[in-house]
Amino acid sequence: MRNNPANGRVNMRLEGRFDLLLYRSDGRLITERHARNIVVSTGENLVASRMFFSGAIPDAPRYIAFGTSGVSAVKTQTALLAEFAVARFGATASPTSFVSLNLLHLDFVVVPTITMANVSEVGVFNATTVGIMMSRTVIVPFTMTTSDSLKAIWELEFLGVD
């Protein structure tokens, strides 16, 4: 479908990206990853439901989770393929997380409660357990220890909206 303002059609697409910055306890930056991610089909449906659904509106995506699978991300995935069995981490409160100019921006500060070796996949969800996966990406693996902290930024841009 092409943009056609005359008939009210707009070809909107969603594009997500992650910035991950891993710090040691002394504040030294030791690892960083920057990646685009796939907004999966369930994530697209979540956006549509929050915009147009007349019943119970699903919660917004605001939790980040990590896993160890290096299998490529595809739109049909509904969960991380090998998620760590620890609680997901919630986005920090405003003003660091915001919506502005066709962009949803979420900041996360993650202090792991267990060592997470071989972190290879990252996802954003709308619940602390199960829930709806919004997006997934696969990255070059790294390890987080309990003395590390991770600053994660996830942005979702709505493209084709004028």
Foldseek 3Di string as FASTA:
>chain_A
DDDDVVVPDFDKDKKKKKWKWKAFLVRDTDDIDIGIWDFAPLLVVLVVQQVDNPPDRAADWFWKWWAQDQPFDDRHDWDDPGTDPDWTWGFDDPPQFDDDDQKGKTKTKDQDPAKDFRGFKMWIARDRPRGTTGIMGGTGTDIHHNRMMMIMMMMMGIPRDD
